Amino acid sequence: MPVIEGYEMPDELYYTEDHAWLKVEEDNKVRIGLSDFAQKLAGEISFVKVPKVGKKAVPGKLLFSLQSGKWAGKVVVPVAGTIVEANKDLLYEPQLINENCYGTGWVAVIKAAGLAEDLAGLKTGEAAHRWLRQEAVRLESEQNN
């Protein structure tokens, strides 16, 4: 697994501007979670509001929100469709995101309606690596000012 600026970033995933990851699965399903970059910056996650199964997923609308001792944030819906799974374990063990953000710390699965179009606007591979490097530099610059 590639490590970019100290953050794990699997090549087979897609990434959003708000630091979510997406894994395309069978039958146009997309598993979504919070990236290693975001979970490390947030610190220990203390609360996750997972989406409701059956809810329509509209790009740009809230998918899930979370909190840590020093941060509160949200991730918006990256692909249109319907939410078919939500990781209810996060309600009782939100730190699963910190422990295994690309595994047991996943948040939701969306059955995508127009997957190819939605994925075209996301980052993957070397483009995602370049973007994360820029994000890391930007963050370091902000912290030094």
C-alpha atoms as a PDB file:
ATOM      1  CA  MET A   1       0.000   0.000   0.000  1.00  0.00           C
ATOM      2  CA  PRO A   2       1.472   3.366  -0.961  1.00  0.00           C
ATOM      3  CA  VAL A   3       2.306   5.743   1.868  1.00  0.00           C
ATOM      4  CA  ILE A   4       2.189   9.392   0.805  1.00  0.00           C
ATOM      5  CA  GLU A   5       3.642  11.953   3.225  1.00  0.00           C
ATOM      6  CA  GLY A   6       3.079   9.437   6.048  1.00  0.00           C
ATOM      7  CA  TYR A   7      -0.524   8.596   5.116  1.00  0.00           C
ATOM      8  CA  GLU A   8      -1.709   5.267   3.723  1.00  0.00           C
ATOM      9  CA  MET A   9      -3.430   5.638   0.365  1.00  0.00           C
ATOM     10  CA  PRO A  10      -4.471   2.405  -1.377  1.00  0.00           C
ATOM     11  CA  ASP A  11      -4.235   2.684  -5.163  1.00  0.00           C
ATOM     12  CA  GLU A  12      -7.462   0.788  -5.877  1.00  0.00           C
ATOM     13  CA  LEU A  13      -9.595   3.425  -4.132  1.00  0.00           C
ATOM     14  CA  TYR A  14     -11.085   6.738  -5.235  1.00  0.00           C
ATOM     15  CA  TYR A  15     -10.799   9.854  -3.051  1.00  0.00           C
ATOM     16  CA  THR A  16     -12.960  12.945  -2.540  1.00  0.00           C
ATOM     17  CA  GLU A  17     -12.059  16.551  -1.719  1.00  0.00           C
ATOM     18  CA  ASP A  18     -13.411  16.045   1.818  1.00  0.00           C
ATOM     19  CA  HIS A  19     -11.034  13.106   2.332  1.00  0.00           C
ATOM     20  CA  ALA A  20     -13.420  10.200   1.986  1.00  0.00           C
ATOM     21  CA  TRP A  21     -12.410   7.024   0.150  1.00  0.00           C
ATOM     22  CA  LEU A  22     -14.568   4.929  -2.159  1.00  0.00           C
ATOM     23  CA  LYS A  23     -14.149   1.295  -3.118  1.00  0.00           C
ATOM     24  CA  VAL A  24     -16.140   0.037  -6.098  1.00  0.00           C
ATOM     25  CA  GLU A  25     -17.671  -3.374  -5.394  1.00  0.00           C
ATOM     26  CA  GLU A  26     -19.925  -5.744  -7.334  1.00  0.00           C
ATOM     27  CA  ASP A  27     -23.330  -4.717  -8.625  1.00  0.00           C
ATOM     28  CA  ASN A  28     -22.535  -0.949  -8.745  1.00  0.00           C
ATOM     29  CA  LYS A  29     -22.088  -0.790  -4.974  1.00  0.00           C
ATOM     30  CA  VAL A  30     -19.595   1.672  -3.514  1.00  0.00           C
ATOM     31  CA  ARG A  31     -18.177   1.305   0.026  1.00  0.00           C
ATOM     32  CA  ILE A  32     -17.221   4.642   1.606  1.00  0.00           C
ATOM     33  CA  GLY A  33     -15.152   5.679   4.610  1.00  0.00           C
ATOM     34  CA  LEU A  34     -12.819   8.345   5.954  1.00  0.00           C
ATOM     35  CA  SER A  35      -9.241   8.406   4.636  1.00  0.00           C
ATOM     36  CA  ASP A  36      -6.134   7.802   6.706  1.00  0.00           C
ATOM     37  CA  PHE A  37      -5.167  11.463   6.224  1.00  0.00           C
ATOM     38  CA  ALA A  38      -8.463  12.711   7.672  1.00  0.00           C
ATOM     39  CA  GLN A  39      -8.647  10.255  10.573  1.00  0.00           C
ATOM     40  CA  LYS A  40      -5.074  11.077  11.657  1.00  0.00           C
ATOM     41  CA  LEU A  41      -5.768  14.814  11.536  1.00  0.00           C
ATOM     42  CA  ALA A  42      -9.004  14.396  13.489  1.00  0.00           C
ATOM     43  CA  GLY A  43      -7.425  12.382  16.287  1.00  0.00           C
ATOM     44  CA  GLU A  44      -9.430   9.840  18.236  1.00  0.00           C
ATOM     45  CA  ILE A  45     -12.937   9.719  16.757  1.00  0.00           C
ATOM     46  CA  SER A  46     -15.528   9.856  19.538  1.00  0.00           C
ATOM     47  CA  PHE A  47     -18.810  10.011  17.570  1.00  0.00           C
ATOM     48  CA  VAL A  48     -20.052   9.036  14.104  1.00  0.00           C
ATOM     49  CA  LYS A  49     -23.521   9.739  12.758  1.00  0.00           C
ATOM     50  CA  VAL A  50     -24.030   7.027  10.155  1.00  0.00           C
ATOM     51  CA  PRO A  51     -26.621   7.429   7.387  1.00  0.00           C
ATOM     52  CA  LYS A  52     -29.952   5.606   7.302  1.00  0.00           C
ATOM     53  CA  VAL A  53     -30.270   2.546   5.105  1.00  0.00           C
ATOM     54  CA  GLY A  54     -32.802   3.095   2.319  1.00  0.00           C
ATOM     55  CA  LYS A  55     -32.172   6.833   2.169  1.00  0.00           C
ATOM     56  CA  LYS A  56     -31.608   8.434  -1.238  1.00  0.00           C
ATOM     57  CA  ALA A  57     -27.967   9.460  -1.715  1.00  0.00           C
ATOM     58  CA  VAL A  58     -27.799  12.865  -3.411  1.00  0.00           C
ATOM     59  CA  PRO A  59     -24.335  14.166  -4.354  1.00  0.00           C
ATOM     60  CA  GLY A  60     -23.331  17.177  -2.281  1.00  0.00           C
ATOM     61  CA  LYS A  61     -25.753  16.378   0.552  1.00  0.00           C
ATOM     62  CA  LEU A  62     -24.542  15.139   3.955  1.00  0.00           C
ATOM     63  CA  LEU A  63     -23.585  11.456   4.022  1.00  0.00           C
ATOM     64  CA  PHE A  64     -22.128  11.223   7.532  1.00  0.00           C
ATOM     65  CA  SER A  65     -20.681  13.412  10.252  1.00  0.00           C
ATOM     66  CA  LEU A  66     -18.167  12.705  12.964  1.00  0.00           C
ATOM     67  CA  GLN A  67     -16.424  14.248  15.941  1.00  0.00           C
ATOM     68  CA  SER A  68     -13.221  13.906  17.884  1.00  0.00           C
ATOM     69  CA  GLY A  69     -11.966  15.776  20.923  1.00  0.00           C
ATOM     70  CA  LYS A  70     -10.520  18.494  18.698  1.00  0.00           C
ATOM     71  CA  TRP A  71     -12.553  18.367  15.508  1.00  0.00           C
ATOM     72  CA  ALA A  72     -16.017  18.006  13.995  1.00  0.00           C
ATOM     73  CA  GLY A  73     -16.512  17.312  10.332  1.00  0.00           C
ATOM     74  CA  LYS A  74     -18.727  15.942   7.636  1.00  0.00           C
ATOM     75  CA  VAL A  75     -18.489  13.977   4.435  1.00  0.00           C
ATOM     76  CA  VAL A  76     -20.897  14.642   1.593  1.00  0.00           C
ATOM     77  CA  VAL A  77     -22.393  12.075  -0.746  1.00  0.00           C
ATOM     78  CA  PRO A  78     -19.907  11.423  -3.580  1.00  0.00           C
ATOM     79  CA  VAL A  79     -22.116   9.217  -5.808  1.00  0.00           C
ATOM     80  CA  ALA A  80     -25.840   9.260  -6.537  1.00  0.00           C
ATOM     81  CA  GLY A  81     -27.937   6.265  -5.545  1.00  0.00           C
ATOM     82  CA  THR A  82     -29.414   4.635  -2.453  1.00  0.00           C
ATOM     83  CA  ILE A  83     -27.757   3.808   0.853  1.00  0.00           C
ATOM     84  CA  VAL A  84     -27.917   0.025   1.193  1.00  0.00           C
ATOM     85  CA  GLU A  85     -25.635  -0.532   4.206  1.00  0.00           C
ATOM     86  CA  ALA A  86     -24.416   1.496   7.178  1.00  0.00           C
ATOM     87  CA  ASN A  87     -21.743   0.434   9.639  1.00  0.00           C
ATOM     88  CA  LYS A  88     -23.773   0.385  12.870  1.00  0.00           C
ATOM     89  CA  ASP A  89     -20.673  -0.796  14.786  1.00  0.00           C
ATOM     90  CA  LEU A  90     -19.426   2.797  14.575  1.00  0.00           C
ATOM     91  CA  LEU A  91     -22.271   3.912  16.845  1.00  0.00           C
ATOM     92  CA  TYR A  92     -20.681   1.967  19.703  1.00  0.00           C
ATOM     93  CA  GLU A  93     -17.054   1.882  18.539  1.00  0.00           C
ATOM     94  CA  PRO A  94     -16.344   5.063  16.565  1.00  0.00           C
ATOM     95  CA  GLN A  95     -12.621   4.506  17.076  1.00  0.00           C
ATOM     96  CA  LEU A  96     -12.821   1.706  14.462  1.00  0.00           C
ATOM     97  CA  ILE A  97     -12.167   4.514  11.969  1.00  0.00           C
ATOM     98  CA  ASN A  98      -8.850   5.256  13.693  1.00  0.00           C
ATOM     99  CA  GLU A  99      -7.932   1.599  14.054  1.00  0.00           C
ATOM    100  CA  ASN A 100      -8.725   0.449  10.501  1.00  0.00           C
ATOM    101  CA  CYS A 101     -10.148   3.231   8.334  1.00  0.00           C
ATOM    102  CA  TYR A 102      -9.964   1.147   5.133  1.00  0.00           C
ATOM    103  CA  GLY A 103     -11.388  -2.007   6.726  1.00  0.00           C
ATOM    104  CA  THR A 104     -13.689  -2.311   9.747  1.00  0.00           C
ATOM    105  CA  GLY A 105     -13.946   1.495   9.925  1.00  0.00           C
ATOM    106  CA  TRP A 106     -15.973   1.833   6.696  1.00  0.00           C
ATOM    107  CA  VAL A 107     -19.108   3.980   7.090  1.00  0.00           C
ATOM    108  CA  ALA A 108     -21.640   3.302   4.321  1.00  0.00           C
ATOM    109  CA  VAL A 109     -22.380   1.447   1.094  1.00  0.00           C
ATOM    110  CA  ILE A 110     -24.270   3.152  -1.721  1.00  0.00           C
ATOM    111  CA  LYS A 111     -25.899   1.332  -4.627  1.00  0.00           C
ATOM    112  CA  ALA A 112     -24.858   3.791  -7.307  1.00  0.00           C
ATOM    113  CA  ALA A 113     -27.171   5.035 -10.050  1.00  0.00           C
ATOM    114  CA  GLY A 114     -24.665   6.668 -12.436  1.00  0.00           C
ATOM    115  CA  LEU A 115     -21.357   5.299 -11.253  1.00  0.00           C
ATOM    116  CA  ALA A 116     -19.131   6.075 -14.255  1.00  0.00           C
ATOM    117  CA  GLU A 117     -20.114   9.750 -14.319  1.00  0.00           C
ATOM    118  CA  ASP A 118     -19.670  10.185 -10.560  1.00  0.00           C
ATOM    119  CA  LEU A 119     -16.283   8.435 -10.460  1.00  0.00           C
ATOM    120  CA  ALA A 120     -14.964  10.641 -13.255  1.00  0.00           C
ATOM    121  CA  GLY A 121     -14.865  13.597 -10.851  1.00  0.00           C
ATOM    122  CA  LEU A 122     -12.885  11.787  -8.140  1.00  0.00           C
ATOM    123  CA  LYS A 123      -9.166  11.302  -7.599  1.00  0.00           C
ATOM    124  CA  THR A 124      -7.385   7.970  -8.017  1.00  0.00           C
ATOM    125  CA  GLY A 125      -3.898   6.596  -8.584  1.00  0.00           C
ATOM    126  CA  GLU A 126      -1.037   9.029  -9.161  1.00  0.00           C
ATOM    127  CA  ALA A 127      -3.428  12.006  -9.388  1.00  0.00           C
ATOM    128  CA  ALA A 128      -4.652  11.184  -5.872  1.00  0.00           C
ATOM    129  CA  HIS A 129      -1.054  10.903  -4.624  1.00  0.00           C
ATOM    130  CA  ARG A 130      -0.160  14.340  -6.054  1.00  0.00           C
ATOM    131  CA  TRP A 131      -3.280  15.841  -4.479  1.00  0.00           C
ATOM    132  CA  LEU A 132      -2.507  14.358  -1.055  1.00  0.00           C
ATOM    133  CA  ARG A 133       1.044  15.717  -1.207  1.00  0.00           C
ATOM    134  CA  GLN A 134      -0.406  19.175  -1.905  1.00  0.00           C
ATOM    135  CA  GLU A 135      -2.862  18.786   0.974  1.00  0.00           C
ATOM    136  CA  ALA A 136      -0.055  17.791   3.356  1.00  0.00           C
ATOM    137  CA  VAL A 137       2.042  20.810   2.300  1.00  0.00           C
ATOM    138  CA  ARG A 138      -0.972  23.126   2.651  1.00  0.00           C
ATOM    139  CA  LEU A 139      -1.714  21.798   6.127  1.00  0.00           C
ATOM    140  CA  GLU A 140       1.891  22.163   7.245  1.00  0.00           C
ATOM    141  CA  SER A 141       1.950  25.725   5.927  1.00  0.00           C
ATOM    142  CA  GLU A 142      -1.284  26.569   7.814  1.00  0.00           C
ATOM    143  CA  GLN A 143       0.111  25.105  11.039  1.00  0.00           C
ATOM    144  CA  ASN A 144       3.322  27.168  10.706  1.00  0.00           C
ATOM    145  CA  ASN A 145       1.428  30.450  10.273  1.00  0.00           C
END
